[in-house]
Amino acid sequence: CDMKSNKEMIELSKKYNEIYITLGIHPE
């Protein structure tokens, strides 16, 4: 939902097979 979480999600998706991710900036 923002720069911080987008970066974190990319790292998370590399670590866990079960996780897929989306990248975006939330309206808030």
PDB file of all heavy atoms in Angstrom:
ATOM      1  N   CYS A   1       0.811  -1.224   0.000  1.00  0.00           N
ATOM      2  CA  CYS A   1       0.000   0.000   0.000  1.00  0.00           C
ATOM      3  C   CYS A   1       0.844   1.275   0.000  1.00  0.00           C
ATOM      4  O   CYS A   1       0.311   2.372  -0.116  1.00  0.00           O
ATOM      5  CB  CYS A   1      -0.959   0.011   1.188  1.00  0.00           C
ATOM      6  SG  CYS A   1      -0.157   0.077   2.788  1.00  0.00           S
ATOM      7  N   ASP A   2       2.165   1.143   0.124  1.00  0.00           N
ATOM      8  CA  ASP A   2       3.069   2.289   0.064  1.00  0.00           C
ATOM      9  C   ASP A   2       4.471   1.769  -0.225  1.00  0.00           C
ATOM     10  O   ASP A   2       4.672   0.567  -0.400  1.00  0.00           O
ATOM     11  CB  ASP A   2       3.033   3.099   1.366  1.00  0.00           C
ATOM     12  CG  ASP A   2       3.396   2.276   2.605  1.00  0.00           C
ATOM     13  OD1 ASP A   2       3.927   1.151   2.449  1.00  0.00           O
ATOM     14  OD2 ASP A   2       3.152   2.754   3.724  1.00  0.00           O
ATOM     15  N   MET A   3       5.421   2.665  -0.298  1.00  0.00           N
ATOM     16  CA  MET A   3       6.784   2.274  -0.663  1.00  0.00           C
ATOM     17  C   MET A   3       7.354   1.241   0.318  1.00  0.00           C
ATOM     18  O   MET A   3       7.940   0.234  -0.079  1.00  0.00           O
ATOM     19  CB  MET A   3       7.675   3.512  -0.714  1.00  0.00           C
ATOM     20  CG  MET A   3       9.032   3.268  -1.331  1.00  0.00           C
ATOM     21  SD  MET A   3       8.922   2.898  -3.085  1.00  0.00           S
ATOM     22  CE  MET A   3      10.563   3.328  -3.623  1.00  0.00           C
ATOM     23  N   LYS A   4       7.156   1.491   1.602  1.00  0.00           N
ATOM     24  CA  LYS A   4       7.701   0.588   2.612  1.00  0.00           C
ATOM     25  C   LYS A   4       7.126  -0.814   2.483  1.00  0.00           C
ATOM     26  O   LYS A   4       7.864  -1.811   2.453  1.00  0.00           O
ATOM     27  CB  LYS A   4       7.409   1.147   4.013  1.00  0.00           C
ATOM     28  CG  LYS A   4       7.915   0.246   5.141  1.00  0.00           C
ATOM     29  CD  LYS A   4       7.501   0.793   6.501  1.00  0.00           C
ATOM     30  CE  LYS A   4       7.907  -0.183   7.611  1.00  0.00           C
ATOM     31  NZ  LYS A   4       7.406   0.275   8.941  1.00  0.00           N
ATOM     32  N   SER A   5       5.814  -0.907   2.416  1.00  0.00           N
ATOM     33  CA  SER A   5       5.190  -2.235   2.360  1.00  0.00           C
ATOM     34  C   SER A   5       5.443  -2.921   1.017  1.00  0.00           C
ATOM     35  O   SER A   5       5.579  -4.146   0.954  1.00  0.00           O
ATOM     36  CB  SER A   5       3.689  -2.143   2.640  1.00  0.00           C
ATOM     37  OG  SER A   5       3.033  -1.287   1.722  1.00  0.00           O
ATOM     38  N   ASN A   6       5.519  -2.156  -0.066  1.00  0.00           N
ATOM     39  CA  ASN A   6       5.829  -2.762  -1.362  1.00  0.00           C
ATOM     40  C   ASN A   6       7.195  -3.454  -1.325  1.00  0.00           C
ATOM     41  O   ASN A   6       7.346  -4.578  -1.800  1.00  0.00           O
ATOM     42  CB  ASN A   6       5.819  -1.700  -2.462  1.00  0.00           C
ATOM     43  CG  ASN A   6       4.417  -1.230  -2.812  1.00  0.00           C
ATOM     44  OD1 ASN A   6       3.450  -1.963  -2.666  1.00  0.00           O
ATOM     45  ND2 ASN A   6       4.311   0.002  -3.288  1.00  0.00           N
ATOM     46  N   LYS A   7       8.176  -2.766  -0.765  1.00  0.00           N
ATOM     47  CA  LYS A   7       9.512  -3.362  -0.656  1.00  0.00           C
ATOM     48  C   LYS A   7       9.492  -4.596   0.248  1.00  0.00           C
ATOM     49  O   LYS A   7      10.111  -5.622  -0.054  1.00  0.00           O
ATOM     50  CB  LYS A   7      10.511  -2.336  -0.115  1.00  0.00           C
ATOM     51  CG  LYS A   7      10.865  -1.253  -1.113  1.00  0.00           C
ATOM     52  CD  LYS A   7      11.885  -0.288  -0.532  1.00  0.00           C
ATOM     53  CE  LYS A   7      12.342   0.724  -1.575  1.00  0.00           C
ATOM     54  NZ  LYS A   7      13.347   1.678  -1.024  1.00  0.00           N
ATOM     55  N   GLU A   8       8.761  -4.481   1.350  1.00  0.00           N
ATOM     56  CA  GLU A   8       8.682  -5.616   2.284  1.00  0.00           C
ATOM     57  C   GLU A   8       8.010  -6.812   1.627  1.00  0.00           C
ATOM     58  O   GLU A   8       8.424  -7.957   1.821  1.00  0.00           O
ATOM     59  CB  GLU A   8       7.920  -5.209   3.547  1.00  0.00           C
ATOM     60  CG  GLU A   8       7.880  -6.313   4.585  1.00  0.00           C
ATOM     61  CD  GLU A   8       7.106  -5.942   5.843  1.00  0.00           C
ATOM     62  OE1 GLU A   8       6.672  -4.776   5.967  1.00  0.00           O
ATOM     63  OE2 GLU A   8       6.930  -6.828   6.694  1.00  0.00           O
ATOM     64  N   MET A   9       6.963  -6.560   0.831  1.00  0.00           N
ATOM     65  CA  MET A   9       6.249  -7.667   0.193  1.00  0.00           C
ATOM     66  C   MET A   9       7.121  -8.393  -0.823  1.00  0.00           C
ATOM     67  O   MET A   9       7.042  -9.620  -0.945  1.00  0.00           O
ATOM     68  CB  MET A   9       4.972  -7.150  -0.476  1.00  0.00           C
ATOM     69  CG  MET A   9       3.887  -6.691   0.487  1.00  0.00           C
ATOM     70  SD  MET A   9       3.451  -7.920   1.758  1.00  0.00           S
ATOM     71  CE  MET A   9       4.524  -7.455   3.126  1.00  0.00           C
ATOM     72  N   ILE A  10       7.954  -7.661  -1.534  1.00  0.00           N
ATOM     73  CA  ILE A  10       8.855  -8.320  -2.483  1.00  0.00           C
ATOM     74  C   ILE A  10       9.799  -9.270  -1.757  1.00  0.00           C
ATOM     75  O   ILE A  10      10.009 -10.416  -2.184  1.00  0.00           O
ATOM     76  CB  ILE A  10       9.630  -7.269  -3.311  1.00  0.00           C
ATOM     77  CG1 ILE A  10       8.681  -6.638  -4.346  1.00  0.00           C
ATOM     78  CG2 ILE A  10      10.829  -7.909  -4.012  1.00  0.00           C
ATOM     79  CD1 ILE A  10       9.307  -5.549  -5.179  1.00  0.00           C
ATOM     80  N   GLU A  11      10.358  -8.823  -0.656  1.00  0.00           N
ATOM     81  CA  GLU A  11      11.249  -9.693   0.121  1.00  0.00           C
ATOM     82  C   GLU A  11      10.493 -10.884   0.702  1.00  0.00           C
ATOM     83  O   GLU A  11      11.000 -12.002   0.739  1.00  0.00           O
ATOM     84  CB  GLU A  11      11.938  -8.889   1.227  1.00  0.00           C
ATOM     85  CG  GLU A  11      12.904  -7.836   0.714  1.00  0.00           C
ATOM     86  CD  GLU A  11      13.921  -8.397  -0.267  1.00  0.00           C
ATOM     87  OE1 GLU A  11      14.558  -9.411   0.064  1.00  0.00           O
ATOM     88  OE2 GLU A  11      14.054  -7.822  -1.360  1.00  0.00           O
ATOM     89  N   LEU A  12       9.270 -10.640   1.147  1.00  0.00           N
ATOM     90  CA  LEU A  12       8.455 -11.712   1.727  1.00  0.00           C
ATOM     91  C   LEU A  12       8.138 -12.781   0.690  1.00  0.00           C
ATOM     92  O   LEU A  12       8.179 -13.978   0.985  1.00  0.00           O
ATOM     93  CB  LEU A  12       7.158 -11.115   2.283  1.00  0.00           C
ATOM     94  CG  LEU A  12       6.415 -11.917   3.348  1.00  0.00           C
ATOM     95  CD1 LEU A  12       7.246 -12.032   4.618  1.00  0.00           C
ATOM     96  CD2 LEU A  12       5.081 -11.244   3.663  1.00  0.00           C
ATOM     97  N   SER A  13       7.845 -12.348  -0.526  1.00  0.00           N
ATOM     98  CA  SER A  13       7.480 -13.310  -1.576  1.00  0.00           C
ATOM     99  C   SER A  13       8.664 -14.196  -1.966  1.00  0.00           C
ATOM    100  O   SER A  13       8.481 -15.324  -2.432  1.00  0.00           O
ATOM    101  CB  SER A  13       6.956 -12.573  -2.805  1.00  0.00           C
ATOM    102  OG  SER A  13       7.982 -11.854  -3.467  1.00  0.00           O
ATOM    103  N   LYS A  14       9.865 -13.687  -1.773  1.00  0.00           N
ATOM    104  CA  LYS A  14      11.058 -14.493  -2.057  1.00  0.00           C
ATOM    105  C   LYS A  14      11.290 -15.550  -0.973  1.00  0.00           C
ATOM    106  O   LYS A  14      11.861 -16.611  -1.234  1.00  0.00           O
ATOM    107  CB  LYS A  14      12.293 -13.587  -2.150  1.00  0.00           C
ATOM    108  CG  LYS A  14      12.274 -12.627  -3.330  1.00  0.00           C
ATOM    109  CD  LYS A  14      13.478 -11.691  -3.272  1.00  0.00           C
ATOM    110  CE  LYS A  14      13.456 -10.673  -4.408  1.00  0.00           C
ATOM    111  NZ  LYS A  14      14.594  -9.712  -4.315  1.00  0.00           N
ATOM    112  N   LYS A  15      10.804 -15.240   0.206  1.00  0.00           N
ATOM    113  CA  LYS A  15      11.070 -16.106   1.357  1.00  0.00           C
ATOM    114  C   LYS A  15      10.066 -17.240   1.475  1.00  0.00           C
ATOM    115  O   LYS A  15      10.416 -18.341   1.938  1.00  0.00           O
ATOM    116  CB  LYS A  15      11.057 -15.263   2.641  1.00  0.00           C
ATOM    117  CG  LYS A  15      11.483 -16.011   3.890  1.00  0.00           C
ATOM    118  CD  LYS A  15      11.556 -15.064   5.082  1.00  0.00           C
ATOM    119  CE  LYS A  15      11.992 -15.803   6.337  1.00  0.00           C
ATOM    120  NZ  LYS A  15      12.068 -14.905   7.517  1.00  0.00           N
ATOM    121  N   TYR A  16       8.818 -16.990   1.073  1.00  0.00           N
ATOM    122  CA  TYR A  16       7.758 -17.985   1.291  1.00  0.00           C
ATOM    123  C   TYR A  16       7.075 -18.368  -0.021  1.00  0.00           C
ATOM    124  O   TYR A  16       6.575 -17.499  -0.750  1.00  0.00           O
ATOM    125  CB  TYR A  16       6.699 -17.430   2.249  1.00  0.00           C
ATOM    126  CG  TYR A  16       7.208 -17.159   3.637  1.00  0.00           C
ATOM    127  CD1 TYR A  16       7.466 -15.849   4.062  1.00  0.00           C
ATOM    128  CD2 TYR A  16       7.439 -18.201   4.543  1.00  0.00           C
ATOM    129  CE1 TYR A  16       7.933 -15.587   5.337  1.00  0.00           C
ATOM    130  CE2 TYR A  16       7.910 -17.948   5.819  1.00  0.00           C
ATOM    131  CZ  TYR A  16       8.152 -16.641   6.214  1.00  0.00           C
ATOM    132  OH  TYR A  16       8.615 -16.384   7.485  1.00  0.00           O
ATOM    133  N   ASN A  17       7.045 -19.651  -0.299  1.00  0.00           N
ATOM    134  CA  ASN A  17       6.401 -20.146  -1.511  1.00  0.00           C
ATOM    135  C   ASN A  17       4.908 -19.846  -1.530  1.00  0.00           C
ATOM    136  O   ASN A  17       4.300 -19.694  -2.592  1.00  0.00           O
ATOM    137  CB  ASN A  17       6.613 -21.659  -1.643  1.00  0.00           C
ATOM    138  CG  ASN A  17       8.050 -22.017  -1.951  1.00  0.00           C
ATOM    139  OD1 ASN A  17       8.774 -21.227  -2.555  1.00  0.00           O
ATOM    140  ND2 ASN A  17       8.471 -23.197  -1.529  1.00  0.00           N
ATOM    141  N   GLU A  18       4.302 -19.785  -0.352  1.00  0.00           N
ATOM    142  CA  GLU A  18       2.844 -19.643  -0.263  1.00  0.00           C
ATOM    143  C   GLU A  18       2.344 -18.238  -0.583  1.00  0.00           C
ATOM    144  O   GLU A  18       1.153 -18.019  -0.755  1.00  0.00           O
ATOM    145  CB  GLU A  18       2.363 -19.992   1.161  1.00  0.00           C
ATOM    146  CG  GLU A  18       2.791 -21.367   1.657  1.00  0.00           C
ATOM    147  CD  GLU A  18       4.058 -21.306   2.511  1.00  0.00           C
ATOM    148  OE1 GLU A  18       4.934 -20.454   2.200  1.00  0.00           O
ATOM    149  OE2 GLU A  18       4.155 -22.088   3.460  1.00  0.00           O
ATOM    150  N   ILE A  19       3.261 -17.276  -0.631  1.00  0.00           N
ATOM    151  CA  ILE A  19       2.861 -15.876  -0.742  1.00  0.00           C
ATOM    152  C   ILE A  19       3.046 -15.330  -2.153  1.00  0.00           C
ATOM    153  O   ILE A  19       4.130 -15.425  -2.738  1.00  0.00           O
ATOM    154  CB  ILE A  19       3.647 -14.998   0.252  1.00  0.00           C
ATOM    155  CG1 ILE A  19       3.240 -15.327   1.692  1.00  0.00           C
ATOM    156  CG2 ILE A  19       3.425 -13.518  -0.019  1.00  0.00           C
ATOM    157  CD1 ILE A  19       3.944 -14.491   2.742  1.00  0.00           C
ATOM    158  N   TYR A  20       1.981 -14.759  -2.678  1.00  0.00           N
ATOM    159  CA  TYR A  20       2.009 -13.933  -3.883  1.00  0.00           C
ATOM    160  C   TYR A  20       1.703 -12.507  -3.438  1.00  0.00           C
ATOM    161  O   TYR A  20       1.136 -12.301  -2.369  1.00  0.00           O
ATOM    162  CB  TYR A  20       0.986 -14.420  -4.905  1.00  0.00           C
ATOM    163  CG  TYR A  20       1.327 -15.775  -5.475  1.00  0.00           C
ATOM    164  CD1 TYR A  20       1.045 -16.943  -4.759  1.00  0.00           C
ATOM    165  CD2 TYR A  20       1.943 -15.894  -6.719  1.00  0.00           C
ATOM    166  CE1 TYR A  20       1.378 -18.188  -5.275  1.00  0.00           C
ATOM    167  CE2 TYR A  20       2.280 -17.129  -7.244  1.00  0.00           C
ATOM    168  CZ  TYR A  20       1.994 -18.285  -6.520  1.00  0.00           C
ATOM    169  OH  TYR A  20       2.324 -19.511  -7.016  1.00  0.00           O
ATOM    170  N   ILE A  21       2.070 -11.538  -4.268  1.00  0.00           N
ATOM    171  CA  ILE A  21       1.943 -10.164  -3.802  1.00  0.00           C
ATOM    172  C   ILE A  21       1.389  -9.222  -4.876  1.00  0.00           C
ATOM    173  O   ILE A  21       1.408  -9.534  -6.070  1.00  0.00           O
ATOM    174  CB  ILE A  21       3.296  -9.605  -3.315  1.00  0.00           C
ATOM    175  CG1 ILE A  21       4.327  -9.580  -4.452  1.00  0.00           C
ATOM    176  CG2 ILE A  21       3.809 -10.408  -2.136  1.00  0.00           C
ATOM    177  CD1 ILE A  21       5.605  -8.837  -4.110  1.00  0.00           C
ATOM    178  N   THR A  22       0.885  -8.087  -4.412  1.00  0.00           N
ATOM    179  CA  THR A  22       0.542  -6.974  -5.293  1.00  0.00           C
ATOM    180  C   THR A  22       1.324  -5.747  -4.829  1.00  0.00           C
ATOM    181  O   THR A  22       1.681  -5.636  -3.650  1.00  0.00           O
ATOM    182  CB  THR A  22      -0.967  -6.674  -5.255  1.00  0.00           C
ATOM    183  OG1 THR A  22      -1.296  -5.993  -4.031  1.00  0.00           O
ATOM    184  CG2 THR A  22      -1.791  -7.952  -5.354  1.00  0.00           C
ATOM    185  N   LEU A  23       1.561  -4.854  -5.755  1.00  0.00           N
ATOM    186  CA  LEU A  23       2.262  -3.612  -5.453  1.00  0.00           C
ATOM    187  C   LEU A  23       1.364  -2.437  -5.802  1.00  0.00           C
ATOM    188  O   LEU A  23       0.745  -2.422  -6.870  1.00  0.00           O
ATOM    189  CB  LEU A  23       3.561  -3.505  -6.272  1.00  0.00           C
ATOM    190  CG  LEU A  23       4.574  -4.637  -6.130  1.00  0.00           C
ATOM    191  CD1 LEU A  23       5.766  -4.385  -7.053  1.00  0.00           C
ATOM    192  CD2 LEU A  23       5.042  -4.792  -4.693  1.00  0.00           C
ATOM    193  N   GLY A  24       1.289  -1.470  -4.908  1.00  0.00           N
ATOM    194  CA  GLY A  24       0.448  -0.319  -5.193  1.00  0.00           C
ATOM    195  C   GLY A  24       0.586   0.756  -4.132  1.00  0.00           C
ATOM    196  O   GLY A  24       1.242   0.557  -3.104  1.00  0.00           O
ATOM    197  N   ILE A  25      -0.045   1.889  -4.406  1.00  0.00           N
ATOM    198  CA  ILE A  25      -0.094   2.983  -3.434  1.00  0.00           C
ATOM    199  C   ILE A  25      -1.555   3.238  -3.094  1.00  0.00           C
ATOM    200  O   ILE A  25      -2.364   3.605  -3.958  1.00  0.00           O
ATOM    201  CB  ILE A  25       0.553   4.263  -3.991  1.00  0.00           C
ATOM    202  CG1 ILE A  25       2.014   3.984  -4.373  1.00  0.00           C
ATOM    203  CG2 ILE A  25       0.476   5.384  -2.947  1.00  0.00           C
ATOM    204  CD1 ILE A  25       2.674   5.119  -5.122  1.00  0.00           C
ATOM    205  N   HIS A  26      -1.896   3.011  -1.856  1.00  0.00           N
ATOM    206  CA  HIS A  26      -3.258   3.146  -1.337  1.00  0.00           C
ATOM    207  C   HIS A  26      -3.656   4.621  -1.341  1.00  0.00           C
ATOM    208  O   HIS A  26      -2.815   5.496  -1.134  1.00  0.00           O
ATOM    209  CB  HIS A  26      -3.272   2.587   0.091  1.00  0.00           C
ATOM    210  CG  HIS A  26      -4.614   2.384   0.692  1.00  0.00           C
ATOM    211  ND1 HIS A  26      -5.375   3.427   1.163  1.00  0.00           N
ATOM    212  CD2 HIS A  26      -5.324   1.258   0.921  1.00  0.00           C
ATOM    213  CE1 HIS A  26      -6.505   2.948   1.664  1.00  0.00           C
ATOM    214  NE2 HIS A  26      -6.501   1.630   1.520  1.00  0.00           N
ATOM    215  N   PRO A  27      -4.955   4.903  -1.559  1.00  0.00           N
ATOM    216  CA  PRO A  27      -5.375   6.311  -1.577  1.00  0.00           C
ATOM    217  C   PRO A  27      -5.090   7.075  -0.294  1.00  0.00           C
ATOM    218  O   PRO A  27      -4.928   8.302  -0.340  1.00  0.00           O
ATOM    219  CB  PRO A  27      -6.881   6.228  -1.853  1.00  0.00           C
ATOM    220  CG  PRO A  27      -7.285   4.827  -1.545  1.00  0.00           C
ATOM    221  CD  PRO A  27      -6.079   4.004  -1.867  1.00  0.00           C
ATOM    222  N   GLU A  28      -4.978   6.386   0.828  1.00  0.00           N
ATOM    223  CA  GLU A  28      -4.679   7.107   2.067  1.00  0.00           C
ATOM    224  C   GLU A  28      -3.255   7.663   2.056  1.00  0.00           C
ATOM    225  O   GLU A  28      -2.904   8.491   2.895  1.00  0.00           O
ATOM    226  CB  GLU A  28      -4.884   6.202   3.284  1.00  0.00           C
ATOM    227  CG  GLU A  28      -3.884   5.090   3.421  1.00  0.00           C
ATOM    228  CD  GLU A  28      -4.146   4.195   4.626  1.00  0.00           C
ATOM    229  OE1 GLU A  28      -5.245   4.256   5.215  1.00  0.00           O
ATOM    230  OE2 GLU A  28      -3.237   3.422   4.975  1.00  0.00           O
TER     231      GLU A  28
END
